[in-house]
Amino acid sequence: MTSIEEAKREATIVGAGAWGTTLAWLLAEQGKSVALWVREPELAEDMRESRENQIYLPGVELPALVMVTSDLQVALAGDAPVLVAVPSHGFRDVVVRAAPYIGAGRLMVNAGKGLERGSGMRMSEILAEELGEPNAYPLVALSGPNLSGEIVQGMPAISVAASSDPAAARRVQALLNSSRFRVYCNYDIIGVELCGALKNIIALAAGMCDGLGFGDNAKAALITRGLAEIGRLGVKLGAQPATFWGIAGVGDLIATCNSRLSRNWQVGARVARGESLSAIQDSTTAVAEGIHTTVAGRQIATRLGIEAPVTNAVYRILFEGVSPTQAVTQLMSRPEKAEVEPWQSGNSKAE
């Protein structure tokens, strides 16, 4: 690749799942030159020839402005912003491999929605840890109700770019904002990343709710109390309460809990219909982040002594053999409590 081509590049997308490919498509549709890194060389070659990601985003033609490569050094050449759209279980490994090609000061964007299993770390925390030189990289998180299948059809959508560095958030806003994809700024990166990750647990439960044939009352109850649980955990971890009522919070929760396009909803519905988790995972290449986040979320809640009944119920269903109907009975039989909790009024010490 020539230096001229590098100079023209306006973004690099690391990760060619459905969301990473959608981001590359979205930017190229705006007339911006993008590099898209694909982990599998065979898939990269197929995408270059067919101009389509037939595994993760079939039926969508990639514009000519998307340069596809399986070479990280080539993908990361230059100094354009880097958007990392990699599942949580592979995120650290990819960042470690990419780090030698990323210079200090380069804008880094976490476009994923997960927590690292084991450590419970957010993806921007992993970026900061593995890139070294604390505070040397502007870090931003991109999150919101962003179902790829709708965006690539040209349907309107909104998202939020969050960073403790307002200028960095505005740079990502300007990069992605268009007449079909409106981006807002937020300065609570902790809250935005936690919303994006934890809502996937509630989406698994929502799929189970629908798979069991429960009605709108049950779904409304689950979403409402799920949001309270996300907020309870998030505020304890340093998030701002207002974030949970915003785009990355209630906005993404509504979309993920109700859309049949949601991978987490799909997994939950299949579990409720009697399929095993292992069989579901073997049947698809798509990643349902909620499975990993359920483990991480439960670990965090246990460590901090935070009540997380929905997360615990989903964990027992996925990993301990409890049936969805048993879990519902247990949830509905819990001791009575008040709806409003101290954290909702800004008391970060609330549990």
Protein backbone atom coordinates (compact mmCIF):
# COMPACT_ATOMS: atom_id res chain seq x y z
CA MET A 1 0.00 0.00 0.00
CA THR A 2 1.37 3.42 -0.89
CA SER A 3 1.70 6.31 1.51
CA ILE A 4 -0.85 8.21 -0.61
CA GLU A 5 -3.43 5.49 0.01
CA GLU A 6 -2.63 5.54 3.73
CA ALA A 7 -3.07 9.31 3.83
CA LYS A 8 -6.51 9.02 2.24
CA ARG A 9 -7.70 6.38 4.73
CA GLU A 10 -10.21 7.79 7.19
CA ALA A 11 -10.68 4.77 9.46
CA THR A 12 -9.53 1.24 10.14
CA ILE A 13 -12.04 -1.35 11.32
CA VAL A 14 -10.51 -4.26 13.22
CA GLY A 15 -12.93 -7.19 13.10
CA ALA A 16 -15.19 -8.30 10.27
CA GLY A 17 -18.16 -9.77 12.06
CA ALA A 18 -21.60 -8.38 11.26
CA TRP A 19 -21.01 -5.15 13.17
CA GLY A 20 -17.46 -4.51 11.99
CA THR A 21 -18.51 -5.10 8.39
CA THR A 22 -21.52 -2.82 8.88
CA LEU A 23 -19.29 -0.02 10.19
CA ALA A 24 -17.01 -0.36 7.16
CA TRP A 25 -20.05 -0.28 4.86
CA LEU A 26 -21.51 2.71 6.71
CA LEU A 27 -18.34 4.78 6.38
CA ALA A 28 -17.75 3.83 2.75
CA GLU A 29 -21.32 4.76 1.90
CA GLN A 30 -20.41 8.25 3.14
CA GLY A 31 -17.52 8.34 0.68
CA LYS A 32 -14.82 7.54 3.25
CA SER A 33 -11.92 5.19 2.55
CA VAL A 34 -11.76 2.35 5.09
CA ALA A 35 -9.48 -0.59 5.84
CA LEU A 36 -11.29 -3.67 7.17
CA TRP A 37 -9.19 -6.30 8.96
CA VAL A 38 -10.49 -9.86 8.70
CA ARG A 39 -9.07 -12.49 11.04
CA GLU A 40 -9.44 -15.44 8.63
CA PRO A 41 -7.30 -15.14 5.45
CA GLU A 42 -9.74 -17.35 3.52
CA LEU A 43 -12.68 -15.10 4.37
CA ALA A 44 -10.67 -12.01 3.48
CA GLU A 45 -9.85 -13.45 0.07
CA ASP A 46 -13.48 -14.36 -0.53
CA MET A 47 -14.61 -10.87 0.51
CA ARG A 48 -12.14 -9.23 -1.86
CA GLU A 49 -13.40 -11.33 -4.75
CA SER A 50 -17.13 -11.29 -4.04
CA ARG A 51 -17.31 -7.86 -2.32
CA GLU A 52 -19.55 -9.49 0.27
CA ASN A 53 -19.15 -10.97 3.75
CA GLN A 54 -21.09 -14.13 3.03
CA ILE A 55 -20.61 -15.54 6.54
CA TYR A 56 -21.50 -12.61 8.81
CA LEU A 57 -23.37 -10.13 6.60
CA PRO A 58 -24.64 -11.93 3.49
CA GLY A 59 -26.40 -10.03 0.74
CA VAL A 60 -24.68 -6.69 1.41
CA GLU A 61 -22.28 -5.40 -1.23
CA LEU A 62 -19.12 -3.79 0.10
CA PRO A 63 -18.34 -0.48 -1.60
CA ALA A 64 -15.04 -0.14 -3.46
CA LEU A 65 -13.79 2.22 -0.74
CA VAL A 66 -13.52 -0.73 1.67
CA MET A 67 -10.06 -2.27 1.49
CA VAL A 68 -10.17 -5.82 2.92
CA THR A 69 -7.06 -7.44 4.40
CA SER A 70 -6.06 -10.16 6.84
CA ASP A 71 -2.72 -8.44 7.51
CA LEU A 72 -2.88 -6.33 10.69
CA GLN A 73 0.18 -4.30 9.75
CA VAL A 74 -1.38 -3.35 6.43
CA ALA A 75 -4.75 -2.60 8.02
CA LEU A 76 -3.23 -0.37 10.67
CA ALA A 77 -0.83 1.55 8.45
CA GLY A 78 -1.14 5.32 8.83
CA ASP A 79 -2.74 7.16 11.71
CA ALA A 80 -6.49 6.99 10.98
CA PRO A 81 -8.85 6.24 13.89
CA VAL A 82 -9.12 2.55 14.77
CA LEU A 83 -12.52 1.01 15.56
CA VAL A 84 -12.17 -2.37 17.25
CA ALA A 85 -15.23 -4.54 16.65
CA VAL A 86 -14.05 -7.84 18.11
CA PRO A 87 -15.98 -10.17 20.48
CA SER A 88 -14.91 -9.93 24.12
CA HIS A 89 -13.40 -13.43 24.27
CA GLY A 90 -10.92 -12.57 21.51
CA PHE A 91 -10.50 -8.86 22.17
CA ARG A 92 -7.32 -8.90 24.24
CA ASP A 93 -5.49 -11.24 21.87
CA VAL A 94 -6.25 -9.03 18.88
CA VAL A 95 -5.18 -5.86 20.72
CA VAL A 96 -1.90 -7.49 21.74
CA ARG A 97 -1.24 -8.41 18.10
CA ALA A 98 -2.21 -4.94 16.88
CA ALA A 99 -0.30 -2.92 19.49
CA PRO A 100 3.07 -2.81 17.63
CA TYR A 101 1.38 -1.02 14.71
CA ILE A 102 -0.47 1.61 16.76
CA GLY A 103 1.40 4.78 17.62
CA ALA A 104 0.76 6.90 20.70
CA GLY A 105 -1.95 9.50 20.26
CA ARG A 106 -3.99 7.45 17.80
CA LEU A 107 -7.74 7.55 18.37
CA MET A 108 -8.97 4.14 19.55
CA VAL A 109 -12.65 3.19 19.56
CA ASN A 110 -14.19 0.17 21.26
CA ALA A 111 -17.12 -0.79 19.03
CA GLY A 112 -17.85 -4.04 20.88
CA LYS A 113 -20.30 -4.79 23.68
CA GLY A 114 -18.90 -7.14 26.23
CA LEU A 115 -16.92 -7.75 29.41
CA GLU A 116 -13.85 -9.94 29.61
CA ARG A 117 -14.64 -13.25 31.19
CA GLY A 118 -12.50 -13.73 34.28
CA SER A 119 -11.29 -10.17 34.80
CA GLY A 120 -14.64 -8.45 34.22
CA MET A 121 -12.78 -5.65 32.44
CA ARG A 122 -14.43 -3.35 29.94
CA MET A 123 -12.96 -3.33 26.45
CA SER A 124 -11.57 0.21 26.73
CA GLU A 125 -9.77 -0.90 29.90
CA ILE A 126 -8.14 -3.69 27.91
CA LEU A 127 -7.11 -1.21 25.22
CA ALA A 128 -5.51 1.03 27.84
CA GLU A 129 -3.74 -1.87 29.51
CA GLU A 130 -2.36 -3.56 26.41
CA LEU A 131 -1.38 -0.45 24.45
CA GLY A 132 0.69 0.76 27.39
CA GLU A 133 1.57 4.35 28.12
CA PRO A 134 -1.47 5.26 30.22
CA ASN A 135 -3.45 8.23 28.87
CA ALA A 136 -1.40 8.21 25.64
CA TYR A 137 -4.37 7.13 23.52
CA PRO A 138 -7.76 8.89 23.23
CA LEU A 139 -10.26 6.13 24.07
CA VAL A 140 -13.89 6.15 22.95
CA ALA A 141 -16.73 3.63 23.21
CA LEU A 142 -19.41 3.41 20.53
CA SER A 143 -22.71 1.89 21.61
CA GLY A 144 -26.44 2.05 21.05
CA PRO A 145 -29.43 0.27 19.47
CA ASN A 146 -27.52 -0.66 16.32
CA LEU A 147 -28.84 -3.82 14.69
CA SER A 148 -26.72 -4.44 11.61
CA GLY A 149 -29.54 -5.92 9.57
CA GLU A 150 -31.51 -2.68 9.76
CA ILE A 151 -28.61 -0.28 9.27
CA VAL A 152 -27.44 -1.88 6.01
CA GLN A 153 -31.00 -1.51 4.68
CA GLY A 154 -30.67 2.24 5.15
CA MET A 155 -33.03 2.44 8.11
CA PRO A 156 -32.42 5.34 10.54
CA ALA A 157 -30.46 4.58 13.71
CA ILE A 158 -28.70 6.46 16.48
CA SER A 159 -25.64 5.69 18.55
CA VAL A 160 -23.49 7.33 21.21
CA ALA A 161 -19.75 8.02 21.25
CA ALA A 162 -18.55 8.09 24.85
CA SER A 163 -15.23 9.24 26.24
CA SER A 164 -13.78 11.04 29.23
CA ASP A 165 -12.05 13.15 26.55
CA PRO A 166 -14.79 15.35 24.99
CA ALA A 167 -12.68 16.12 21.92
CA ALA A 168 -12.20 12.42 21.21
CA ALA A 169 -15.94 11.75 21.48
CA ARG A 170 -16.63 14.61 19.06
CA ARG A 171 -14.11 13.21 16.57
CA VAL A 172 -15.93 9.88 16.47
CA GLN A 173 -19.26 11.70 16.23
CA ALA A 174 -18.01 13.63 13.20
CA LEU A 175 -16.53 10.52 11.62
CA LEU A 176 -19.71 8.44 11.74
CA ASN A 177 -22.54 10.95 11.74
CA SER A 178 -24.76 10.91 8.63
CA SER A 179 -28.36 11.42 7.56
CA ARG A 180 -29.06 7.75 8.35
CA PHE A 181 -26.82 7.22 11.37
CA ARG A 182 -26.97 9.98 13.97
CA VAL A 183 -24.29 9.95 16.67
CA TYR A 184 -24.53 11.72 20.03
CA CYS A 185 -21.71 12.42 22.50
CA ASN A 186 -21.55 11.17 26.06
CA TYR A 187 -18.72 11.60 28.57
CA ASP A 188 -19.51 8.58 30.76
CA ILE A 189 -17.51 5.84 29.04
CA ILE A 190 -17.89 3.54 32.05
CA GLY A 191 -21.67 3.71 31.95
CA VAL A 192 -21.94 3.41 28.17
CA GLU A 193 -19.73 0.32 28.03
CA LEU A 194 -21.49 -1.32 30.96
CA CYS A 195 -24.90 -0.64 29.39
CA GLY A 196 -23.78 -2.18 26.11
CA ALA A 197 -22.48 -5.28 27.83
CA LEU A 198 -25.00 -5.93 30.60
CA LYS A 199 -28.10 -5.39 28.45
CA ASN A 200 -27.14 -8.57 26.58
CA ILE A 201 -27.90 -10.59 29.71
CA ILE A 202 -31.38 -9.08 29.86
CA ALA A 203 -31.81 -9.76 26.12
CA LEU A 204 -31.09 -13.46 26.73
CA ALA A 205 -33.80 -13.42 29.39
CA ALA A 206 -36.16 -11.59 27.03
CA GLY A 207 -35.68 -14.29 24.41
CA MET A 208 -36.49 -16.89 27.04
CA CYS A 209 -39.58 -14.92 28.03
CA ASP A 210 -40.83 -14.93 24.43
CA GLY A 211 -39.76 -18.53 23.89
CA LEU A 212 -41.93 -19.56 26.82
CA GLY A 213 -44.87 -17.74 25.26
CA PHE A 214 -45.27 -15.17 28.01
CA GLY A 215 -47.03 -11.94 27.12
CA ASP A 216 -46.33 -8.24 27.13
CA ASN A 217 -46.79 -7.85 30.89
CA ALA A 218 -43.95 -10.27 31.56
CA LYS A 219 -41.70 -8.67 28.94
CA ALA A 220 -42.33 -5.19 30.35
CA ALA A 221 -41.56 -6.44 33.85
CA LEU A 222 -38.33 -8.05 32.70
CA ILE A 223 -37.07 -5.01 30.79
CA THR A 224 -37.94 -2.64 33.64
CA ARG A 225 -36.35 -4.68 36.39
CA GLY A 226 -33.47 -5.59 34.09
CA LEU A 227 -32.71 -1.91 33.65
CA ALA A 228 -32.77 -1.45 37.43
CA GLU A 229 -30.28 -4.30 37.77
CA ILE A 230 -27.96 -2.85 35.11
CA GLY A 231 -28.08 0.51 36.86
CA ARG A 232 -27.43 -1.00 40.27
CA LEU A 233 -24.30 -2.74 39.04
CA GLY A 234 -23.18 0.12 36.83
CA VAL A 235 -23.37 2.88 39.42
CA LYS A 236 -21.41 0.75 41.87
CA LEU A 237 -18.70 0.49 39.20
CA GLY A 238 -18.55 4.24 38.70
CA ALA A 239 -21.17 4.97 36.02
CA GLN A 240 -23.48 7.98 36.05
CA PRO A 241 -27.19 7.16 36.72
CA ALA A 242 -28.40 9.30 33.80
CA THR A 243 -26.54 7.10 31.31
CA PHE A 244 -28.92 4.21 31.94
CA TRP A 245 -31.90 6.27 30.74
CA GLY A 246 -30.13 7.15 27.49
CA ILE A 247 -29.23 5.69 24.10
CA ALA A 248 -26.79 3.06 25.34
CA GLY A 249 -29.06 2.14 28.23
CA VAL A 250 -32.81 2.00 27.78
CA GLY A 251 -32.48 2.61 24.03
CA ASP A 252 -30.31 -0.42 23.35
CA LEU A 253 -32.23 -2.48 25.89
CA ILE A 254 -35.53 -1.92 24.06
CA ALA A 255 -34.05 -2.91 20.70
CA THR A 256 -32.13 -5.95 21.90
CA CYS A 257 -34.93 -7.34 24.03
CA ASN A 258 -37.56 -7.04 21.31
CA SER A 259 -35.87 -7.60 17.96
CA ARG A 260 -35.73 -11.03 16.34
CA LEU A 261 -32.49 -9.78 14.75
CA SER A 262 -30.81 -9.77 18.17
CA ARG A 263 -28.45 -12.72 18.53
CA ASN A 264 -28.89 -12.74 22.30
CA TRP A 265 -32.68 -12.76 21.97
CA GLN A 266 -32.39 -15.65 19.51
CA VAL A 267 -30.24 -17.71 21.88
CA GLY A 268 -32.61 -17.09 24.78
CA ALA A 269 -35.65 -18.08 22.73
CA ARG A 270 -33.97 -21.31 21.59
CA VAL A 271 -32.95 -22.21 25.14
CA ALA A 272 -36.54 -21.71 26.30
CA ARG A 273 -37.72 -24.05 23.56
CA GLY A 274 -35.53 -26.83 24.86
CA GLU A 275 -32.27 -26.57 22.90
CA SER A 276 -28.99 -26.96 24.76
CA LEU A 277 -26.56 -24.07 24.86
CA SER A 278 -23.80 -26.16 23.31
CA ALA A 279 -26.02 -27.19 20.40
CA ILE A 280 -27.03 -23.58 19.79
CA GLN A 281 -23.41 -22.40 19.78
CA ASP A 282 -22.38 -25.22 17.43
CA SER A 283 -25.11 -24.25 14.96
CA THR A 284 -23.96 -20.68 14.30
CA THR A 285 -20.86 -18.60 13.65
CA ALA A 286 -22.45 -15.52 15.21
CA VAL A 287 -21.39 -14.57 18.74
CA ALA A 288 -24.01 -13.90 21.42
CA GLU A 289 -22.01 -11.72 23.82
CA GLY A 290 -24.57 -12.20 26.57
CA ILE A 291 -23.33 -15.74 27.21
CA HIS A 292 -19.85 -14.53 28.22
CA THR A 293 -21.21 -11.41 29.90
CA THR A 294 -23.52 -13.48 32.09
CA VAL A 295 -20.45 -15.14 33.59
CA ALA A 296 -18.57 -11.86 33.99
CA GLY A 297 -21.60 -9.99 35.31
CA ARG A 298 -22.30 -12.65 37.92
CA GLN A 299 -18.66 -12.58 39.04
CA ILE A 300 -18.76 -8.79 39.41
CA ALA A 301 -22.07 -8.83 41.31
CA THR A 302 -20.80 -11.53 43.67
CA ARG A 303 -17.52 -9.72 44.28
CA LEU A 304 -19.25 -6.42 45.05
CA GLY A 305 -22.16 -7.91 46.97
CA ILE A 306 -24.71 -6.48 44.52
CA GLU A 307 -28.14 -8.05 44.13
CA ALA A 308 -28.50 -9.27 40.52
CA PRO A 309 -31.48 -11.65 40.36
CA VAL A 310 -31.93 -11.65 36.56
CA THR A 311 -28.23 -12.24 35.92
CA ASN A 312 -28.18 -15.06 38.47
CA ALA A 313 -31.29 -16.62 36.93
CA VAL A 314 -29.84 -16.53 33.41
CA TYR A 315 -26.58 -18.02 34.72
CA ARG A 316 -28.40 -20.90 36.40
CA ILE A 317 -30.36 -21.61 33.23
CA LEU A 318 -27.32 -21.53 30.94
CA PHE A 319 -24.78 -23.28 33.14
CA GLU A 320 -26.49 -25.13 36.01
CA GLY A 321 -29.39 -26.89 34.32
CA VAL A 322 -32.21 -24.89 35.92
CA SER A 323 -35.22 -24.72 33.60
CA PRO A 324 -36.52 -21.32 32.47
CA THR A 325 -39.88 -21.99 34.11
CA GLN A 326 -38.19 -22.83 37.42
CA ALA A 327 -36.14 -19.65 37.21
CA VAL A 328 -39.26 -17.55 36.59
CA THR A 329 -40.96 -19.04 39.64
CA GLN A 330 -37.90 -18.28 41.75
CA LEU A 331 -37.75 -14.69 40.49
CA MET A 332 -41.43 -14.05 41.15
CA SER A 333 -41.19 -15.58 44.64
CA ARG A 334 -38.43 -13.31 45.90
CA PRO A 335 -39.06 -11.20 49.04
CA GLU A 336 -40.98 -7.97 48.55
CA LYS A 337 -38.99 -4.78 48.06
CA ALA A 338 -39.42 -1.14 47.10
CA GLU A 339 -39.16 -0.13 43.44
CA VAL A 340 -37.08 3.02 43.82
CA GLU A 341 -33.51 2.47 45.01
CA PRO A 342 -30.97 5.00 46.36
CA TRP A 343 -28.69 4.80 43.29
CA GLN A 344 -31.49 6.11 41.09
CA SER A 345 -31.26 9.47 42.83
CA GLY A 346 -27.51 9.67 42.35
CA ASN A 347 -26.28 7.90 45.47
CA SER A 348 -23.32 5.92 44.09
CA LYS A 349 -22.94 4.05 47.37
CA ALA A 350 -26.30 2.36 46.94
CA GLU A 351 -26.47 -1.38 46.53
